[in-house]
N, C-alpha and C. Protein backbone atom coordinates (compact mmCIF):
# COMPACT_ATOMS: atom_id res chain seq x y z
N UNK A 1 3.60 -1.39 -15.63
CA UNK A 1 4.53 -1.16 -14.54
C UNK A 1 4.61 -2.44 -13.71
N UNK A 2 5.83 -2.95 -13.55
CA UNK A 2 6.06 -4.11 -12.70
C UNK A 2 6.24 -3.65 -11.26
N UNK A 3 5.56 -4.28 -10.35
CA UNK A 3 5.71 -3.99 -8.93
C UNK A 3 5.93 -5.31 -8.23
N UNK A 4 7.12 -5.46 -7.61
CA UNK A 4 7.46 -6.72 -6.97
C UNK A 4 8.04 -6.49 -5.58
N UNK A 5 7.93 -7.50 -4.73
CA UNK A 5 8.49 -7.42 -3.39
C UNK A 5 9.95 -7.89 -3.36
N UNK A 6 10.39 -8.52 -4.43
CA UNK A 6 11.77 -8.99 -4.49
C UNK A 6 12.71 -7.82 -4.83
N UNK A 7 14.01 -8.06 -4.65
CA UNK A 7 14.99 -7.00 -4.91
C UNK A 7 15.40 -6.91 -6.37
N UNK A 8 14.91 -7.82 -7.19
CA UNK A 8 15.18 -7.79 -8.62
C UNK A 8 14.00 -8.39 -9.36
N UNK A 9 14.02 -8.24 -10.67
CA UNK A 9 12.96 -8.81 -11.51
C UNK A 9 13.60 -9.93 -12.32
N UNK A 10 13.23 -11.18 -12.04
CA UNK A 10 13.83 -12.30 -12.77
C UNK A 10 13.72 -12.13 -14.28
N UNK A 11 14.84 -12.35 -14.96
CA UNK A 11 14.86 -12.26 -16.41
C UNK A 11 14.99 -10.85 -16.95
N UNK A 12 15.09 -9.87 -16.08
CA UNK A 12 15.21 -8.47 -16.50
C UNK A 12 16.53 -7.90 -15.99
N UNK A 13 17.10 -6.98 -16.76
CA UNK A 13 18.34 -6.32 -16.37
C UNK A 13 18.01 -4.91 -15.89
N UNK A 14 18.53 -4.55 -14.72
CA UNK A 14 18.32 -3.20 -14.19
C UNK A 14 19.25 -2.26 -14.94
N UNK A 15 18.66 -1.28 -15.60
CA UNK A 15 19.42 -0.29 -16.36
C UNK A 15 19.78 0.90 -15.48
N UNK A 16 18.81 1.30 -14.64
CA UNK A 16 19.03 2.47 -13.80
C UNK A 16 18.13 2.40 -12.57
N UNK A 17 18.69 2.80 -11.43
CA UNK A 17 17.92 2.92 -10.19
C UNK A 17 17.58 4.39 -10.00
N UNK A 18 16.31 4.67 -9.78
CA UNK A 18 15.84 6.05 -9.68
C UNK A 18 15.57 6.50 -8.26
N UNK A 19 15.66 5.59 -7.31
CA UNK A 19 15.49 5.96 -5.91
C UNK A 19 14.16 5.55 -5.30
N UNK A 20 14.00 5.97 -4.08
CA UNK A 20 12.84 5.63 -3.27
C UNK A 20 11.57 6.28 -3.81
N UNK A 21 10.50 5.49 -3.86
CA UNK A 21 9.16 6.01 -4.18
C UNK A 21 8.21 5.52 -3.11
N UNK A 22 7.20 6.31 -2.86
CA UNK A 22 6.25 5.94 -1.81
C UNK A 22 4.87 6.51 -2.10
N UNK A 23 3.90 5.90 -1.46
CA UNK A 23 2.53 6.38 -1.54
C UNK A 23 1.84 6.02 -0.25
N UNK A 24 0.98 6.90 0.22
CA UNK A 24 0.30 6.60 1.48
C UNK A 24 -1.17 6.96 1.40
N UNK A 25 -1.90 6.39 2.32
CA UNK A 25 -3.32 6.65 2.45
C UNK A 25 -3.65 6.65 3.94
N UNK A 26 -4.32 7.70 4.38
CA UNK A 26 -4.75 7.77 5.78
C UNK A 26 -6.26 7.66 5.80
N UNK A 27 -6.74 6.72 6.56
CA UNK A 27 -8.19 6.48 6.64
C UNK A 27 -8.66 6.55 8.08
N UNK A 28 -9.88 7.02 8.24
CA UNK A 28 -10.50 7.02 9.56
C UNK A 28 -11.63 6.01 9.58
N UNK A 29 -11.97 5.62 10.78
CA UNK A 29 -13.08 4.68 10.92
C UNK A 29 -14.39 5.40 10.66
N UNK A 30 -15.43 4.62 10.47
CA UNK A 30 -16.75 5.13 10.17
C UNK A 30 -17.70 4.64 11.26
N UNK A 31 -18.53 5.54 11.78
CA UNK A 31 -19.42 5.17 12.88
C UNK A 31 -20.29 3.96 12.54
N UNK A 32 -20.83 3.91 11.33
CA UNK A 32 -21.66 2.78 10.92
C UNK A 32 -20.88 1.48 10.93
N UNK A 33 -19.64 1.54 10.43
CA UNK A 33 -18.79 0.34 10.43
C UNK A 33 -18.43 -0.06 11.85
N UNK A 34 -18.18 0.94 12.70
CA UNK A 34 -17.80 0.64 14.08
C UNK A 34 -18.92 -0.09 14.83
N UNK A 35 -20.14 0.34 14.61
CA UNK A 35 -21.27 -0.31 15.29
C UNK A 35 -21.40 -1.75 14.82
N UNK A 36 -21.29 -1.96 13.52
CA UNK A 36 -21.34 -3.32 12.97
C UNK A 36 -20.20 -4.16 13.51
N UNK A 37 -19.01 -3.55 13.59
CA UNK A 37 -17.83 -4.27 14.09
C UNK A 37 -18.00 -4.70 15.54
N UNK A 38 -18.62 -3.87 16.35
CA UNK A 38 -18.86 -4.22 17.76
C UNK A 38 -19.71 -5.48 17.84
N UNK A 39 -20.75 -5.54 17.03
CA UNK A 39 -21.61 -6.73 17.04
C UNK A 39 -20.86 -7.96 16.54
N UNK A 40 -20.04 -7.79 15.50
CA UNK A 40 -19.25 -8.93 15.00
C UNK A 40 -18.23 -9.38 16.04
N UNK A 41 -17.70 -8.44 16.80
CA UNK A 41 -16.72 -8.75 17.82
C UNK A 41 -17.32 -9.65 18.91
N UNK A 42 -18.59 -9.51 19.15
CA UNK A 42 -19.26 -10.32 20.17
C UNK A 42 -19.34 -11.80 19.77
N UNK A 43 -19.49 -12.05 18.49
CA UNK A 43 -19.61 -13.44 18.03
C UNK A 43 -18.32 -13.98 17.46
N UNK A 44 -17.35 -13.10 17.21
CA UNK A 44 -16.05 -13.53 16.69
C UNK A 44 -16.03 -13.59 15.19
N UNK A 45 -14.85 -13.78 14.66
CA UNK A 45 -14.68 -13.90 13.22
C UNK A 45 -14.19 -12.62 12.56
N UNK A 46 -14.12 -12.67 11.25
CA UNK A 46 -13.63 -11.55 10.47
C UNK A 46 -14.60 -10.37 10.51
N UNK A 47 -14.05 -9.16 10.42
CA UNK A 47 -14.86 -7.96 10.32
C UNK A 47 -14.69 -7.44 8.88
N UNK A 48 -15.58 -7.88 7.97
CA UNK A 48 -15.41 -7.56 6.56
C UNK A 48 -15.41 -6.06 6.27
N UNK A 49 -16.09 -5.27 7.09
CA UNK A 49 -16.11 -3.82 6.87
C UNK A 49 -14.70 -3.24 6.98
N UNK A 50 -13.94 -3.70 7.97
CA UNK A 50 -12.57 -3.22 8.15
C UNK A 50 -11.62 -3.86 7.14
N UNK A 51 -11.88 -5.11 6.78
CA UNK A 51 -11.06 -5.77 5.76
C UNK A 51 -11.14 -4.99 4.46
N UNK A 52 -12.35 -4.60 4.08
CA UNK A 52 -12.55 -3.83 2.86
C UNK A 52 -11.89 -2.45 2.96
N UNK A 53 -12.01 -1.80 4.10
CA UNK A 53 -11.40 -0.49 4.30
C UNK A 53 -9.89 -0.56 4.15
N UNK A 54 -9.27 -1.58 4.74
CA UNK A 54 -7.82 -1.72 4.65
C UNK A 54 -7.38 -2.09 3.23
N UNK A 55 -8.16 -2.92 2.54
CA UNK A 55 -7.83 -3.28 1.16
C UNK A 55 -7.87 -2.05 0.26
N UNK A 56 -8.87 -1.21 0.43
CA UNK A 56 -8.96 0.03 -0.35
C UNK A 56 -7.77 0.94 -0.05
N UNK A 57 -7.38 1.02 1.20
CA UNK A 57 -6.25 1.86 1.60
C UNK A 57 -4.96 1.36 0.97
N UNK A 58 -4.76 0.04 0.96
CA UNK A 58 -3.55 -0.52 0.33
C UNK A 58 -3.51 -0.20 -1.16
N UNK A 59 -4.65 -0.33 -1.83
CA UNK A 59 -4.71 -0.04 -3.26
C UNK A 59 -4.41 1.43 -3.55
N UNK A 60 -4.93 2.33 -2.70
CA UNK A 60 -4.65 3.76 -2.89
C UNK A 60 -3.17 4.04 -2.68
N UNK A 61 -2.57 3.45 -1.66
CA UNK A 61 -1.14 3.65 -1.39
C UNK A 61 -0.31 3.13 -2.56
N UNK A 62 -0.63 1.94 -3.07
CA UNK A 62 0.09 1.39 -4.22
C UNK A 62 -0.06 2.27 -5.46
N UNK A 63 -1.26 2.76 -5.69
CA UNK A 63 -1.52 3.62 -6.84
C UNK A 63 -0.69 4.90 -6.76
N UNK A 64 -0.62 5.48 -5.59
CA UNK A 64 0.17 6.71 -5.41
C UNK A 64 1.66 6.44 -5.57
N UNK A 65 2.12 5.29 -5.09
CA UNK A 65 3.52 4.92 -5.27
C UNK A 65 3.83 4.73 -6.76
N UNK A 66 2.93 4.03 -7.46
CA UNK A 66 3.08 3.80 -8.90
C UNK A 66 3.16 5.13 -9.65
N UNK A 67 2.27 6.07 -9.32
CA UNK A 67 2.27 7.38 -9.97
C UNK A 67 3.61 8.10 -9.77
N UNK A 68 4.14 8.03 -8.56
CA UNK A 68 5.43 8.68 -8.28
C UNK A 68 6.54 8.03 -9.11
N UNK A 69 6.52 6.70 -9.20
CA UNK A 69 7.54 5.99 -9.98
C UNK A 69 7.43 6.35 -11.46
N UNK A 70 6.22 6.39 -11.99
CA UNK A 70 6.01 6.75 -13.39
C UNK A 70 6.49 8.18 -13.65
N UNK A 71 6.29 9.06 -12.68
CA UNK A 71 6.75 10.44 -12.81
C UNK A 71 8.26 10.55 -12.93
N UNK A 72 8.97 9.58 -12.37
CA UNK A 72 10.44 9.54 -12.46
C UNK A 72 10.91 8.85 -13.73
N UNK A 73 9.97 8.24 -14.47
CA UNK A 73 10.32 7.52 -15.69
C UNK A 73 10.59 6.05 -15.48
N UNK A 74 10.24 5.52 -14.32
CA UNK A 74 10.47 4.09 -14.02
C UNK A 74 9.47 3.21 -14.76
N UNK A 75 9.89 1.96 -14.98
CA UNK A 75 8.95 0.98 -15.52
C UNK A 75 8.80 -0.21 -14.57
N UNK A 76 9.42 -0.09 -13.37
CA UNK A 76 9.29 -1.13 -12.35
C UNK A 76 9.60 -0.55 -10.98
N UNK A 77 9.06 -1.20 -9.96
CA UNK A 77 9.38 -0.87 -8.57
C UNK A 77 9.72 -2.18 -7.89
N UNK A 78 10.89 -2.23 -7.27
CA UNK A 78 11.33 -3.45 -6.58
C UNK A 78 11.40 -3.20 -5.07
N UNK A 79 11.45 -4.30 -4.32
CA UNK A 79 11.57 -4.21 -2.87
C UNK A 79 10.38 -3.55 -2.21
N UNK A 80 9.20 -3.75 -2.76
CA UNK A 80 8.00 -3.09 -2.23
C UNK A 80 7.63 -3.66 -0.87
N UNK A 81 7.33 -2.75 0.04
CA UNK A 81 6.92 -3.10 1.40
C UNK A 81 5.73 -2.24 1.79
N UNK A 82 4.99 -2.71 2.78
CA UNK A 82 3.89 -1.95 3.36
C UNK A 82 4.19 -1.70 4.83
N UNK A 83 3.74 -0.57 5.31
CA UNK A 83 3.87 -0.24 6.72
C UNK A 83 2.58 0.44 7.16
N UNK A 84 2.17 0.17 8.36
CA UNK A 84 0.99 0.85 8.90
C UNK A 84 1.38 1.56 10.18
N UNK A 85 0.70 2.66 10.44
CA UNK A 85 0.92 3.37 11.68
C UNK A 85 -0.36 4.09 12.09
N UNK A 86 -0.50 4.28 13.37
CA UNK A 86 -1.65 4.99 13.91
C UNK A 86 -1.32 6.48 13.87
N UNK A 87 -2.16 7.27 13.22
CA UNK A 87 -1.94 8.70 13.12
C UNK A 87 -2.57 9.40 14.32
N UNK A 88 -3.76 8.98 14.65
CA UNK A 88 -4.49 9.46 15.82
C UNK A 88 -5.54 8.41 16.16
N UNK A 89 -6.22 8.57 17.22
CA UNK A 89 -7.24 7.60 17.59
C UNK A 89 -8.29 7.50 16.48
N UNK A 90 -8.42 6.30 15.94
CA UNK A 90 -9.41 6.08 14.89
C UNK A 90 -8.92 6.35 13.48
N UNK A 91 -7.63 6.72 13.32
CA UNK A 91 -7.10 6.99 11.98
C UNK A 91 -5.77 6.26 11.81
N UNK A 92 -5.62 5.58 10.69
CA UNK A 92 -4.40 4.83 10.41
C UNK A 92 -3.87 5.18 9.03
N UNK A 93 -2.54 5.14 8.91
CA UNK A 93 -1.89 5.36 7.63
C UNK A 93 -1.36 4.03 7.12
N UNK A 94 -1.52 3.80 5.83
CA UNK A 94 -0.85 2.68 5.17
C UNK A 94 0.13 3.30 4.19
N UNK A 95 1.38 2.88 4.29
CA UNK A 95 2.45 3.39 3.44
C UNK A 95 2.98 2.24 2.59
N UNK A 96 3.07 2.48 1.29
CA UNK A 96 3.70 1.52 0.37
C UNK A 96 4.97 2.20 -0.12
N UNK A 97 6.10 1.46 -0.11
CA UNK A 97 7.35 2.06 -0.57
C UNK A 97 8.23 1.02 -1.24
N UNK A 98 9.11 1.49 -2.10
CA UNK A 98 10.02 0.62 -2.81
C UNK A 98 11.02 1.45 -3.58
N UNK A 99 11.80 0.78 -4.43
CA UNK A 99 12.80 1.45 -5.24
C UNK A 99 12.37 1.46 -6.70
N UNK A 100 12.29 2.66 -7.27
CA UNK A 100 11.92 2.81 -8.67
C UNK A 100 13.14 2.49 -9.54
N UNK A 101 12.93 1.69 -10.56
CA UNK A 101 14.02 1.31 -11.46
C UNK A 101 13.55 1.31 -12.91
N UNK A 102 14.51 1.27 -13.80
CA UNK A 102 14.24 1.04 -15.22
C UNK A 102 14.85 -0.30 -15.56
N UNK A 103 14.05 -1.19 -16.11
CA UNK A 103 14.54 -2.51 -16.51
C UNK A 103 14.34 -2.70 -18.00
N UNK A 104 15.15 -3.60 -18.56
CA UNK A 104 14.97 -3.96 -19.98
C UNK A 104 15.00 -5.46 -20.11
């Protein structure tokens, strides 16, 4: 399955557009990570615990989007974007969305 952020796939012809596909993941913070993050915040720099949490969330959202596209019979998704939103205090959603297509 091809997944691209561009509106087309270079060298491929779009045979059919199947519509919007999306996948999301909602994650909450973890007390252990929060305590570590507070200490890291004091000295500055990256908070790897949250970086890893967000990376896992993006992968889950992409995987769910891919599954939805495959269910429609697509072999590619174009125009892929990510969006994040706060669901509640301490919980965030990552949404991956794009257009499912068939290319040849």
